[in-house]
Amino acid sequence: MGSKGIKPEYFFVDVDGVLTDGKFYYTKEGKVMKVFGPNDHDALVALKKYLNIQMVTADQRGFAISKKRVIHDMKFPLHLIPNGQRMTWLKKNFNLKKTIYMADGIFDGEFFEQVAYSIAPANAFYLTKNKADFVTKASGGDSAVAEACLHILKKFFKPWPGK
């Protein structure tokens, strides 16, 4: 058991602004790329033997980019769920009392109040950081997910990578 007496089963990561730097890279042809950070994949692989890891995004225009990185390269599930439907979808499909949720957006603090444990990257919207159980020192797209994974391992499962 970890914080709040929970034994988490799920870790949800909001892709844009957490796994990526959250910036929009456009040319006249449209959205052309996203920046994914270092170390996150390795840390997620270490964590996946303890938790069911799921990635979520609301970015329909950039979905093909996220799909290439998350599904094809990293081998994690990715769900395209509009922000306004996300909490309903989570409640319907997962036990929120056993869910860790990592996000950065302006309305994600509302989700934080409904899940067992919440994490925000250092560069999250200030109101979201205020409601998070843990705020990383690293920014989204710059190893924030890796830091969160190590925090989760230590807080809820007590192993240390490499041991």
C-alpha atoms as a PDB file:
ATOM      1  CA  MET A   1       0.000   0.000   0.000  1.00  0.00           C
ATOM      2  CA  GLY A   2       1.141   3.478  -0.759  1.00  0.00           C
ATOM      3  CA  SER A   3      -0.223   6.972  -0.271  1.00  0.00           C
ATOM      4  CA  LYS A   4      -3.838   7.330   0.890  1.00  0.00           C
ATOM      5  CA  GLY A   5      -3.868   3.564   1.596  1.00  0.00           C
ATOM      6  CA  ILE A   6      -4.180   2.656  -2.087  1.00  0.00           C
ATOM      7  CA  LYS A   7      -2.540  -0.024  -4.128  1.00  0.00           C
ATOM      8  CA  PRO A   8      -2.641   1.475  -7.617  1.00  0.00           C
ATOM      9  CA  GLU A   9      -3.344  -0.640 -10.684  1.00  0.00           C
ATOM     10  CA  TYR A  10      -3.339   1.962 -13.470  1.00  0.00           C
ATOM     11  CA  PHE A  11      -1.088   4.788 -14.578  1.00  0.00           C
ATOM     12  CA  PHE A  12      -2.567   7.197 -17.105  1.00  0.00           C
ATOM     13  CA  VAL A  13      -0.284   9.634 -18.894  1.00  0.00           C
ATOM     14  CA  ASP A  14      -1.710  12.555 -20.865  1.00  0.00           C
ATOM     15  CA  VAL A  15       0.591  12.622 -23.897  1.00  0.00           C
ATOM     16  CA  ASP A  16       0.680  16.288 -24.863  1.00  0.00           C
ATOM     17  CA  GLY A  17       2.513  18.436 -22.339  1.00  0.00           C
ATOM     18  CA  VAL A  18       3.592  15.443 -20.253  1.00  0.00           C
ATOM     19  CA  LEU A  19       5.201  12.878 -22.551  1.00  0.00           C
ATOM     20  CA  THR A  20       5.877  15.745 -24.998  1.00  0.00           C
ATOM     21  CA  ASP A  21       6.852  19.350 -24.426  1.00  0.00           C
ATOM     22  CA  GLY A  22       3.259  20.342 -25.262  1.00  0.00           C
ATOM     23  CA  LYS A  23       4.227  22.897 -27.875  1.00  0.00           C
ATOM     24  CA  PHE A  24       2.619  23.040 -31.315  1.00  0.00           C
ATOM     25  CA  TYR A  25       5.006  22.782 -34.274  1.00  0.00           C
ATOM     26  CA  TYR A  26       3.271  23.986 -37.411  1.00  0.00           C
ATOM     27  CA  THR A  27       4.211  24.815 -40.961  1.00  0.00           C
ATOM     28  CA  LYS A  28       1.813  26.031 -43.621  1.00  0.00           C
ATOM     29  CA  GLU A  29       0.998  22.340 -44.202  1.00  0.00           C
ATOM     30  CA  GLY A  30      -0.127  21.905 -40.579  1.00  0.00           C
ATOM     31  CA  LYS A  31       1.166  20.159 -37.467  1.00  0.00           C
ATOM     32  CA  VAL A  32       4.425  18.474 -38.400  1.00  0.00           C
ATOM     33  CA  MET A  33       6.019  17.134 -35.222  1.00  0.00           C
ATOM     34  CA  LYS A  34       5.999  16.702 -31.476  1.00  0.00           C
ATOM     35  CA  VAL A  35       9.008  16.602 -29.180  1.00  0.00           C
ATOM     36  CA  PHE A  36       9.158  13.531 -26.935  1.00  0.00           C
ATOM     37  CA  GLY A  37      11.649  13.572 -24.093  1.00  0.00           C
ATOM     38  CA  PRO A  38      14.528  11.302 -23.113  1.00  0.00           C
ATOM     39  CA  ASN A  39      14.410   8.599 -20.414  1.00  0.00           C
ATOM     40  CA  ASP A  40      10.618   8.329 -20.274  1.00  0.00           C
ATOM     41  CA  HIS A  41      10.351   5.080 -22.230  1.00  0.00           C
ATOM     42  CA  ASP A  42      12.979   3.274 -20.146  1.00  0.00           C
ATOM     43  CA  ALA A  43      11.288   4.328 -16.899  1.00  0.00           C
ATOM     44  CA  LEU A  44       7.853   3.291 -18.177  1.00  0.00           C
ATOM     45  CA  VAL A  45       9.223  -0.142 -19.094  1.00  0.00           C
ATOM     46  CA  ALA A  46      10.550  -0.527 -15.521  1.00  0.00           C
ATOM     47  CA  LEU A  47       7.153   0.493 -14.124  1.00  0.00           C
ATOM     48  CA  LYS A  48       4.943  -1.636 -16.378  1.00  0.00           C
ATOM     49  CA  LYS A  49       5.502  -4.824 -14.403  1.00  0.00           C
ATOM     50  CA  TYR A  50       3.679  -3.111 -11.500  1.00  0.00           C
ATOM     51  CA  LEU A  51       0.980  -1.061 -13.263  1.00  0.00           C
ATOM     52  CA  ASN A  52      -1.244  -1.135 -16.319  1.00  0.00           C
ATOM     53  CA  ILE A  53       0.065   1.896 -18.245  1.00  0.00           C
ATOM     54  CA  GLN A  54      -2.233   3.777 -20.607  1.00  0.00           C
ATOM     55  CA  MET A  55      -1.625   6.901 -22.682  1.00  0.00           C
ATOM     56  CA  VAL A  56      -4.377   9.385 -23.544  1.00  0.00           C
ATOM     57  CA  THR A  57      -4.564  12.326 -25.918  1.00  0.00           C
ATOM     58  CA  ALA A  58      -7.220  14.697 -27.183  1.00  0.00           C
ATOM     59  CA  ASP A  59      -5.059  15.852 -30.096  1.00  0.00           C
ATOM     60  CA  GLN A  60      -6.862  14.573 -33.169  1.00  0.00           C
ATOM     61  CA  ARG A  61      -4.711  16.549 -35.633  1.00  0.00           C
ATOM     62  CA  GLY A  62      -1.490  15.238 -34.104  1.00  0.00           C
ATOM     63  CA  PHE A  63      -2.770  11.738 -33.372  1.00  0.00           C
ATOM     64  CA  ALA A  64      -0.723  10.087 -36.133  1.00  0.00           C
ATOM     65  CA  ILE A  65       2.461  11.513 -34.584  1.00  0.00           C
ATOM     66  CA  SER A  66       1.547  10.305 -31.084  1.00  0.00           C
ATOM     67  CA  LYS A  67       0.479   6.926 -32.472  1.00  0.00           C
ATOM     68  CA  LYS A  68       3.851   6.459 -34.179  1.00  0.00           C
ATOM     69  CA  ARG A  69       5.772   7.146 -30.963  1.00  0.00           C
ATOM     70  CA  VAL A  70       3.488   5.603 -28.327  1.00  0.00           C
ATOM     71  CA  ILE A  71       1.987   2.567 -30.078  1.00  0.00           C
ATOM     72  CA  HIS A  72       4.588   1.651 -32.677  1.00  0.00           C
ATOM     73  CA  ASP A  73       7.841   2.633 -30.959  1.00  0.00           C
ATOM     74  CA  MET A  74       7.062   2.434 -27.231  1.00  0.00           C
ATOM     75  CA  LYS A  75       4.434  -0.360 -27.455  1.00  0.00           C
ATOM     76  CA  PHE A  76       1.918   1.224 -25.061  1.00  0.00           C
ATOM     77  CA  PRO A  77      -1.847   1.657 -25.549  1.00  0.00           C
ATOM     78  CA  LEU A  78      -2.960   5.094 -26.754  1.00  0.00           C
ATOM     79  CA  HIS A  79      -6.529   6.380 -26.522  1.00  0.00           C
ATOM     80  CA  LEU A  80      -7.889   9.353 -28.463  1.00  0.00           C
ATOM     81  CA  ILE A  81     -10.454  10.812 -26.049  1.00  0.00           C
ATOM     82  CA  PRO A  82     -11.690  14.425 -26.266  1.00  0.00           C
ATOM     83  CA  ASN A  83     -10.994  16.383 -23.072  1.00  0.00           C
ATOM     84  CA  GLY A  84     -14.693  16.915 -22.387  1.00  0.00           C
ATOM     85  CA  GLN A  85     -15.332  13.162 -22.474  1.00  0.00           C
ATOM     86  CA  ARG A  86     -12.217  11.946 -20.686  1.00  0.00           C
ATOM     87  CA  MET A  87     -13.526  11.656 -17.122  1.00  0.00           C
ATOM     88  CA  THR A  88     -16.697   9.868 -18.245  1.00  0.00           C
ATOM     89  CA  TRP A  89     -14.589   7.450 -20.287  1.00  0.00           C
ATOM     90  CA  LEU A  90     -12.176   6.833 -17.395  1.00  0.00           C
ATOM     91  CA  LYS A  91     -15.018   6.210 -14.916  1.00  0.00           C
ATOM     92  CA  LYS A  92     -16.707   3.784 -17.308  1.00  0.00           C
ATOM     93  CA  ASN A  93     -13.592   1.741 -18.080  1.00  0.00           C
ATOM     94  CA  PHE A  94     -11.275   1.950 -15.046  1.00  0.00           C
ATOM     95  CA  ASN A  95     -11.351   2.050 -11.246  1.00  0.00           C
ATOM     96  CA  LEU A  96     -10.419   5.636 -10.383  1.00  0.00           C
ATOM     97  CA  LYS A  97      -9.713   4.641  -6.764  1.00  0.00           C
ATOM     98  CA  LYS A  98      -6.794   2.594  -8.144  1.00  0.00           C
ATOM     99  CA  THR A  99      -5.636   5.100 -10.760  1.00  0.00           C
ATOM    100  CA  ILE A 100      -2.601   7.376 -10.876  1.00  0.00           C
ATOM    101  CA  TYR A 101      -3.111  10.189 -13.388  1.00  0.00           C
ATOM    102  CA  MET A 102      -0.392  12.445 -14.793  1.00  0.00           C
ATOM    103  CA  ALA A 103      -1.422  15.555 -16.685  1.00  0.00           C
ATOM    104  CA  ASP A 104      -0.649  19.230 -17.156  1.00  0.00           C
ATOM    105  CA  GLY A 105      -3.618  21.066 -18.637  1.00  0.00           C
ATOM    106  CA  ILE A 106      -5.812  23.879 -17.439  1.00  0.00           C
ATOM    107  CA  PHE A 107      -8.713  21.578 -16.470  1.00  0.00           C
ATOM    108  CA  ASP A 108      -6.747  18.517 -15.330  1.00  0.00           C
ATOM    109  CA  GLY A 109      -6.919  19.592 -11.691  1.00  0.00           C
ATOM    110  CA  GLU A 110     -10.593  18.561 -11.817  1.00  0.00           C
ATOM    111  CA  PHE A 111      -9.498  15.018 -12.767  1.00  0.00           C
ATOM    112  CA  PHE A 112      -6.929  15.046  -9.972  1.00  0.00           C
ATOM    113  CA  GLU A 113      -9.719  15.376  -7.415  1.00  0.00           C
ATOM    114  CA  GLN A 114     -11.310  12.120  -8.640  1.00  0.00           C
ATOM    115  CA  VAL A 115      -8.341   9.763  -8.948  1.00  0.00           C
ATOM    116  CA  ALA A 116      -6.350   8.022  -6.230  1.00  0.00           C
ATOM    117  CA  TYR A 117      -3.085   9.867  -6.895  1.00  0.00           C
ATOM    118  CA  SER A 118      -2.133  12.704  -9.232  1.00  0.00           C
ATOM    119  CA  ILE A 119       1.101  13.934 -10.762  1.00  0.00           C
ATOM    120  CA  ALA A 120       1.877  17.094 -12.718  1.00  0.00           C
ATOM    121  CA  PRO A 121       5.078  18.048 -14.533  1.00  0.00           C
ATOM    122  CA  ALA A 122       6.932  21.187 -13.428  1.00  0.00           C
ATOM    123  CA  ASN A 123       5.596  23.191 -16.364  1.00  0.00           C
ATOM    124  CA  ALA A 124       1.924  22.272 -15.852  1.00  0.00           C
ATOM    125  CA  PHE A 125      -0.733  24.970 -15.534  1.00  0.00           C
ATOM    126  CA  TYR A 126      -0.384  26.496 -12.069  1.00  0.00           C
ATOM    127  CA  LEU A 127      -3.869  25.535 -10.846  1.00  0.00           C
ATOM    128  CA  THR A 128      -3.255  21.950 -11.913  1.00  0.00           C
ATOM    129  CA  LYS A 129       0.060  21.854 -10.049  1.00  0.00           C
ATOM    130  CA  ASN A 130      -1.701  23.193  -6.942  1.00  0.00           C
ATOM    131  CA  LYS A 131      -4.055  20.176  -6.932  1.00  0.00           C
ATOM    132  CA  ALA A 132      -1.419  17.520  -7.715  1.00  0.00           C
ATOM    133  CA  ASP A 133      -0.243  15.065  -5.081  1.00  0.00           C
ATOM    134  CA  PHE A 134       3.244  15.240  -6.617  1.00  0.00           C
ATOM    135  CA  VAL A 135       4.877  17.769  -8.956  1.00  0.00           C
ATOM    136  CA  THR A 136       8.007  16.710 -10.800  1.00  0.00           C
ATOM    137  CA  LYS A 137      11.102  18.885 -10.971  1.00  0.00           C
ATOM    138  CA  ALA A 138      11.375  18.037 -14.687  1.00  0.00           C
ATOM    139  CA  SER A 139       9.160  19.568 -17.350  1.00  0.00           C
ATOM    140  CA  GLY A 140       6.926  17.688 -19.763  1.00  0.00           C
ATOM    141  CA  GLY A 141       8.934  16.377 -22.692  1.00  0.00           C
ATOM    142  CA  ASP A 142      12.128  16.536 -20.620  1.00  0.00           C
ATOM    143  CA  SER A 143      12.047  13.372 -18.449  1.00  0.00           C
ATOM    144  CA  ALA A 144       9.042  14.349 -16.304  1.00  0.00           C
ATOM    145  CA  VAL A 145       7.467  10.941 -16.921  1.00  0.00           C
ATOM    146  CA  ALA A 146      10.722   9.202 -15.988  1.00  0.00           C
ATOM    147  CA  GLU A 147      10.835  11.162 -12.731  1.00  0.00           C
ATOM    148  CA  ALA A 148       7.182  10.304 -12.058  1.00  0.00           C
ATOM    149  CA  CYS A 149       7.844   6.604 -12.688  1.00  0.00           C
ATOM    150  CA  LEU A 150      10.728   6.539 -10.200  1.00  0.00           C
ATOM    151  CA  HIS A 151       8.546   8.392  -7.689  1.00  0.00           C
ATOM    152  CA  ILE A 152       5.720   5.851  -8.149  1.00  0.00           C
ATOM    153  CA  LEU A 153       8.095   2.900  -7.802  1.00  0.00           C
ATOM    154  CA  LYS A 154       9.529   4.260  -4.580  1.00  0.00           C
ATOM    155  CA  LYS A 155       6.238   5.448  -3.065  1.00  0.00           C
ATOM    156  CA  PHE A 156       3.977   2.519  -3.913  1.00  0.00           C
ATOM    157  CA  PHE A 157       6.188  -0.470  -4.696  1.00  0.00           C
ATOM    158  CA  LYS A 158       9.513   0.247  -2.926  1.00  0.00           C
ATOM    159  CA  PRO A 159      11.849  -1.276  -5.542  1.00  0.00           C
ATOM    160  CA  TRP A 160      14.673   0.720  -6.972  1.00  0.00           C
ATOM    161  CA  PRO A 161      15.560   0.205 -10.650  1.00  0.00           C
ATOM    162  CA  GLY A 162      18.582  -2.014 -11.136  1.00  0.00           C
ATOM    163  CA  LYS A 163      18.074  -3.971  -7.904  1.00  0.00           C
END
